[in-house]
């Protein structure tokens, strides 16, 4: 069996590093797209995160739980799987946007935007990637993302 790669143990460090690189790149790319396509909306959502962090977090947490329930419940039935998978794709896109909004709000507070968006985009991506590297980073990143999700929903509703 010529071209098979033997299955071996997964290197946890490599997995964490690749996840961190993925988080960094996702934040950087999605952030650059938001800056290019909807800078006014992005600034409004960032302001919501910084001005109402607790409210944004609570609103985002409740909405995220609703999305999880709405995605998981249909999976229980065979027919529901056909509905859950397509609904998970937009949820993943919104998840990326909300994380970027919240991380950019933090980065903007740290470094400002006097020189443009490049520095805050890099700092936001570094924050997201760094949080992924730490053991507690997932919990912190989830909370930051929930606040961003709340800001995105408040902006849209």
C-alpha atoms as a PDB file:
ATOM      1  CA  UNK A   1       0.000   0.000   0.000  1.00  0.00           C
ATOM      2  CA  UNK A   2       2.365   2.557  -1.392  1.00  0.00           C
ATOM      3  CA  UNK A   3       1.111   6.096  -0.697  1.00  0.00           C
ATOM      4  CA  UNK A   4      -0.368   5.695   2.764  1.00  0.00           C
ATOM      5  CA  UNK A   5       0.889   7.793   5.618  1.00  0.00           C
ATOM      6  CA  UNK A   6       1.128   5.826   8.839  1.00  0.00           C
ATOM      7  CA  UNK A   7      -1.231   7.032  11.536  1.00  0.00           C
ATOM      8  CA  UNK A   8       0.728   8.140  14.560  1.00  0.00           C
ATOM      9  CA  UNK A   9       0.203  10.233  17.618  1.00  0.00           C
ATOM     10  CA  UNK A  10      -0.871  13.810  17.041  1.00  0.00           C
ATOM     11  CA  UNK A  11       1.641  16.346  18.311  1.00  0.00           C
ATOM     12  CA  UNK A  12      -0.350  18.603  20.692  1.00  0.00           C
ATOM     13  CA  UNK A  13       2.158  21.441  20.413  1.00  0.00           C
ATOM     14  CA  UNK A  14       1.910  21.453  16.630  1.00  0.00           C
ATOM     15  CA  UNK A  15      -1.871  21.431  16.915  1.00  0.00           C
ATOM     16  CA  UNK A  16      -1.897  24.420  19.281  1.00  0.00           C
ATOM     17  CA  UNK A  17       0.609  26.355  17.170  1.00  0.00           C
ATOM     18  CA  UNK A  18      -1.360  25.716  13.979  1.00  0.00           C
ATOM     19  CA  UNK A  19      -4.549  26.826  15.743  1.00  0.00           C
ATOM     20  CA  UNK A  20      -2.808  30.008  16.894  1.00  0.00           C
ATOM     21  CA  UNK A  21      -1.554  30.730  13.386  1.00  0.00           C
ATOM     22  CA  UNK A  22      -5.063  30.110  12.054  1.00  0.00           C
ATOM     23  CA  UNK A  23      -6.565  32.483  14.626  1.00  0.00           C
ATOM     24  CA  UNK A  24      -3.955  35.138  13.784  1.00  0.00           C
ATOM     25  CA  UNK A  25      -4.558  34.867  10.032  1.00  0.00           C
ATOM     26  CA  UNK A  26      -8.346  34.733  10.344  1.00  0.00           C
ATOM     27  CA  UNK A  27      -8.411  37.875  12.480  1.00  0.00           C
ATOM     28  CA  UNK A  28      -6.010  39.646  10.146  1.00  0.00           C
ATOM     29  CA  UNK A  29      -7.861  38.744   6.930  1.00  0.00           C
ATOM     30  CA  UNK A  30     -11.419  39.223   8.220  1.00  0.00           C
ATOM     31  CA  UNK A  31     -10.357  42.476   9.899  1.00  0.00           C
ATOM     32  CA  UNK A  32      -8.797  43.772   6.677  1.00  0.00           C
ATOM     33  CA  UNK A  33     -11.980  42.902   4.776  1.00  0.00           C
ATOM     34  CA  UNK A  34     -14.136  44.711   7.354  1.00  0.00           C
ATOM     35  CA  UNK A  35     -11.870  47.763   7.249  1.00  0.00           C
ATOM     36  CA  UNK A  36     -12.044  47.836   3.443  1.00  0.00           C
ATOM     37  CA  UNK A  37     -15.753  47.078   3.035  1.00  0.00           C
ATOM     38  CA  UNK A  38     -17.521  48.538   6.086  1.00  0.00           C
ATOM     39  CA  UNK A  39     -15.241  50.811   8.136  1.00  0.00           C
ATOM     40  CA  UNK A  40     -18.089  52.935   9.542  1.00  0.00           C
ATOM     41  CA  UNK A  41     -20.050  49.902  10.695  1.00  0.00           C
ATOM     42  CA  UNK A  42     -16.870  48.390  12.162  1.00  0.00           C
ATOM     43  CA  UNK A  43     -16.123  51.556  14.131  1.00  0.00           C
ATOM     44  CA  UNK A  44     -19.704  51.672  15.434  1.00  0.00           C
ATOM     45  CA  UNK A  45     -19.533  48.042  16.612  1.00  0.00           C
ATOM     46  CA  UNK A  46     -16.106  48.610  18.198  1.00  0.00           C
ATOM     47  CA  UNK A  47     -17.523  51.600  20.074  1.00  0.00           C
ATOM     48  CA  UNK A  48     -20.377  49.437  21.357  1.00  0.00           C
ATOM     49  CA  UNK A  49     -17.887  46.893  22.711  1.00  0.00           C
ATOM     50  CA  UNK A  50     -15.833  49.529  24.512  1.00  0.00           C
ATOM     51  CA  UNK A  51     -18.765  51.640  25.761  1.00  0.00           C
ATOM     52  CA  UNK A  52     -21.043  48.758  26.810  1.00  0.00           C
ATOM     53  CA  UNK A  53     -18.775  45.745  27.443  1.00  0.00           C
ATOM     54  CA  UNK A  54     -21.021  43.985  29.976  1.00  0.00           C
ATOM     55  CA  UNK A  55     -24.197  44.557  28.012  1.00  0.00           C
ATOM     56  CA  UNK A  56     -22.514  43.416  24.800  1.00  0.00           C
ATOM     57  CA  UNK A  57     -21.178  40.313  26.540  1.00  0.00           C
ATOM     58  CA  UNK A  58     -24.535  39.318  28.045  1.00  0.00           C
ATOM     59  CA  UNK A  59     -26.385  39.990  24.791  1.00  0.00           C
ATOM     60  CA  UNK A  60     -23.758  38.039  22.832  1.00  0.00           C
ATOM     61  CA  UNK A  61     -23.688  35.140  25.298  1.00  0.00           C
ATOM     62  CA  UNK A  62     -27.449  34.673  25.142  1.00  0.00           C
ATOM     63  CA  UNK A  63     -27.404  34.889  21.350  1.00  0.00           C
ATOM     64  CA  UNK A  64     -24.490  32.423  21.072  1.00  0.00           C
ATOM     65  CA  UNK A  65     -26.304  29.934  23.276  1.00  0.00           C
ATOM     66  CA  UNK A  66     -29.386  30.309  21.082  1.00  0.00           C
ATOM     67  CA  UNK A  67     -27.289  29.678  17.959  1.00  0.00           C
ATOM     68  CA  UNK A  68     -25.725  26.572  19.517  1.00  0.00           C
ATOM     69  CA  UNK A  69     -29.112  25.201  20.557  1.00  0.00           C
ATOM     70  CA  UNK A  70     -30.620  26.005  17.154  1.00  0.00           C
ATOM     71  CA  UNK A  71     -27.739  24.186  15.457  1.00  0.00           C
ATOM     72  CA  UNK A  72     -27.435  21.178  17.790  1.00  0.00           C
ATOM     73  CA  UNK A  73     -31.126  20.335  18.323  1.00  0.00           C
ATOM     74  CA  UNK A  74     -31.815  19.615  14.626  1.00  0.00           C
ATOM     75  CA  UNK A  75     -28.790  17.287  14.478  1.00  0.00           C
ATOM     76  CA  UNK A  76     -30.647  14.874  16.756  1.00  0.00           C
ATOM     77  CA  UNK A  77     -32.941  14.002  13.869  1.00  0.00           C
ATOM     78  CA  UNK A  78     -31.634  12.683  10.554  1.00  0.00           C
ATOM     79  CA  UNK A  79     -33.524  15.302   8.544  1.00  0.00           C
ATOM     80  CA  UNK A  80     -32.287  18.045  10.847  1.00  0.00           C
ATOM     81  CA  UNK A  81     -28.687  17.371   9.869  1.00  0.00           C
ATOM     82  CA  UNK A  82     -29.513  18.690   6.408  1.00  0.00           C
ATOM     83  CA  UNK A  83     -30.669  21.933   8.020  1.00  0.00           C
ATOM     84  CA  UNK A  84     -27.990  22.223  10.700  1.00  0.00           C
ATOM     85  CA  UNK A  85     -24.958  22.058   8.421  1.00  0.00           C
ATOM     86  CA  UNK A  86     -25.997  24.961   6.143  1.00  0.00           C
ATOM     87  CA  UNK A  87     -26.957  27.073   9.161  1.00  0.00           C
ATOM     88  CA  UNK A  88     -23.578  26.435  10.788  1.00  0.00           C
ATOM     89  CA  UNK A  89     -21.717  28.086   7.897  1.00  0.00           C
ATOM     90  CA  UNK A  90     -23.178  31.587   8.383  1.00  0.00           C
ATOM     91  CA  UNK A  91     -22.774  31.132  12.137  1.00  0.00           C
ATOM     92  CA  UNK A  92     -19.048  30.473  11.634  1.00  0.00           C
ATOM     93  CA  UNK A  93     -18.721  33.583   9.474  1.00  0.00           C
ATOM     94  CA  UNK A  94     -20.519  35.718  12.067  1.00  0.00           C
ATOM     95  CA  UNK A  95     -18.284  34.163  14.753  1.00  0.00           C
ATOM     96  CA  UNK A  96     -15.189  35.321  12.860  1.00  0.00           C
ATOM     97  CA  UNK A  97     -16.599  38.842  12.432  1.00  0.00           C
ATOM     98  CA  UNK A  98     -17.580  39.209  16.084  1.00  0.00           C
ATOM     99  CA  UNK A  99     -14.179  38.060  17.297  1.00  0.00           C
ATOM    100  CA  UNK A 100     -12.489  40.561  14.988  1.00  0.00           C
ATOM    101  CA  UNK A 101     -14.728  43.401  16.194  1.00  0.00           C
ATOM    102  CA  UNK A 102     -13.930  42.703  19.837  1.00  0.00           C
ATOM    103  CA  UNK A 103     -10.198  42.125  19.310  1.00  0.00           C
ATOM    104  CA  UNK A 104      -9.958  45.272  17.197  1.00  0.00           C
ATOM    105  CA  UNK A 105     -11.725  47.259  19.920  1.00  0.00           C
ATOM    106  CA  UNK A 106      -9.084  46.091  22.387  1.00  0.00           C
ATOM    107  CA  UNK A 107      -6.233  46.742  19.942  1.00  0.00           C
ATOM    108  CA  UNK A 108      -7.581  50.209  19.173  1.00  0.00           C
ATOM    109  CA  UNK A 109      -7.548  51.007  22.883  1.00  0.00           C
ATOM    110  CA  UNK A 110      -3.948  49.772  23.134  1.00  0.00           C
ATOM    111  CA  UNK A 111      -2.334  51.326  20.050  1.00  0.00           C
ATOM    112  CA  UNK A 112      -4.882  53.687  18.473  1.00  0.00           C
ATOM    113  CA  UNK A 113      -5.457  54.336  14.779  1.00  0.00           C
ATOM    114  CA  UNK A 114      -3.582  57.560  14.211  1.00  0.00           C
ATOM    115  CA  UNK A 115      -1.366  55.853  11.612  1.00  0.00           C
ATOM    116  CA  UNK A 116      -4.228  53.924   9.998  1.00  0.00           C
ATOM    117  CA  UNK A 117      -5.595  50.414  10.522  1.00  0.00           C
ATOM    118  CA  UNK A 118      -2.433  48.362   9.993  1.00  0.00           C
ATOM    119  CA  UNK A 119      -1.145  48.524  13.552  1.00  0.00           C
ATOM    120  CA  UNK A 120      -4.489  47.744  15.252  1.00  0.00           C
ATOM    121  CA  UNK A 121      -5.118  44.896  12.791  1.00  0.00           C
ATOM    122  CA  UNK A 122      -1.743  43.333  13.591  1.00  0.00           C
ATOM    123  CA  UNK A 123      -2.213  43.818  17.343  1.00  0.00           C
ATOM    124  CA  UNK A 124      -5.748  42.345  17.214  1.00  0.00           C
ATOM    125  CA  UNK A 125      -4.456  39.340  15.275  1.00  0.00           C
ATOM    126  CA  UNK A 126      -1.575  38.935  17.727  1.00  0.00           C
ATOM    127  CA  UNK A 127      -3.982  39.051  20.682  1.00  0.00           C
ATOM    128  CA  UNK A 128      -6.202  36.386  19.133  1.00  0.00           C
ATOM    129  CA  UNK A 129      -3.258  34.175  18.201  1.00  0.00           C
ATOM    130  CA  UNK A 130      -1.626  34.609  21.610  1.00  0.00           C
ATOM    131  CA  UNK A 131      -4.818  33.732  23.459  1.00  0.00           C
ATOM    132  CA  UNK A 132      -5.029  30.536  21.427  1.00  0.00           C
ATOM    133  CA  UNK A 133      -1.532  29.561  22.586  1.00  0.00           C
ATOM    134  CA  UNK A 134      -2.417  29.787  26.275  1.00  0.00           C
ATOM    135  CA  UNK A 135      -4.437  27.262  28.237  1.00  0.00           C
ATOM    136  CA  UNK A 136      -6.899  29.853  29.485  1.00  0.00           C
ATOM    137  CA  UNK A 137      -7.011  31.631  26.144  1.00  0.00           C
ATOM    138  CA  UNK A 138     -10.062  29.760  24.920  1.00  0.00           C
ATOM    139  CA  UNK A 139     -12.170  30.987  27.818  1.00  0.00           C
ATOM    140  CA  UNK A 140     -10.925  34.565  27.481  1.00  0.00           C
ATOM    141  CA  UNK A 141     -11.303  34.506  23.707  1.00  0.00           C
ATOM    142  CA  UNK A 142     -14.858  33.166  24.032  1.00  0.00           C
ATOM    143  CA  UNK A 143     -15.767  36.029  26.373  1.00  0.00           C
ATOM    144  CA  UNK A 144     -14.184  38.597  24.084  1.00  0.00           C
ATOM    145  CA  UNK A 145     -15.996  37.063  21.134  1.00  0.00           C
ATOM    146  CA  UNK A 146     -19.324  37.050  22.987  1.00  0.00           C
ATOM    147  CA  UNK A 147     -18.962  40.780  23.600  1.00  0.00           C
ATOM    148  CA  UNK A 148     -18.208  41.254  19.901  1.00  0.00           C
ATOM    149  CA  UNK A 149     -21.216  39.132  18.957  1.00  0.00           C
ATOM    150  CA  UNK A 150     -23.430  41.257  21.166  1.00  0.00           C
ATOM    151  CA  UNK A 151     -22.080  44.416  19.508  1.00  0.00           C
ATOM    152  CA  UNK A 152     -22.654  42.968  16.028  1.00  0.00           C
ATOM    153  CA  UNK A 153     -26.235  42.015  16.904  1.00  0.00           C
ATOM    154  CA  UNK A 154     -26.967  45.351  18.560  1.00  0.00           C
ATOM    155  CA  UNK A 155     -25.683  47.088  15.423  1.00  0.00           C
ATOM    156  CA  UNK A 156     -27.878  44.965  13.143  1.00  0.00           C
ATOM    157  CA  UNK A 157     -31.081  44.841  15.202  1.00  0.00           C
END
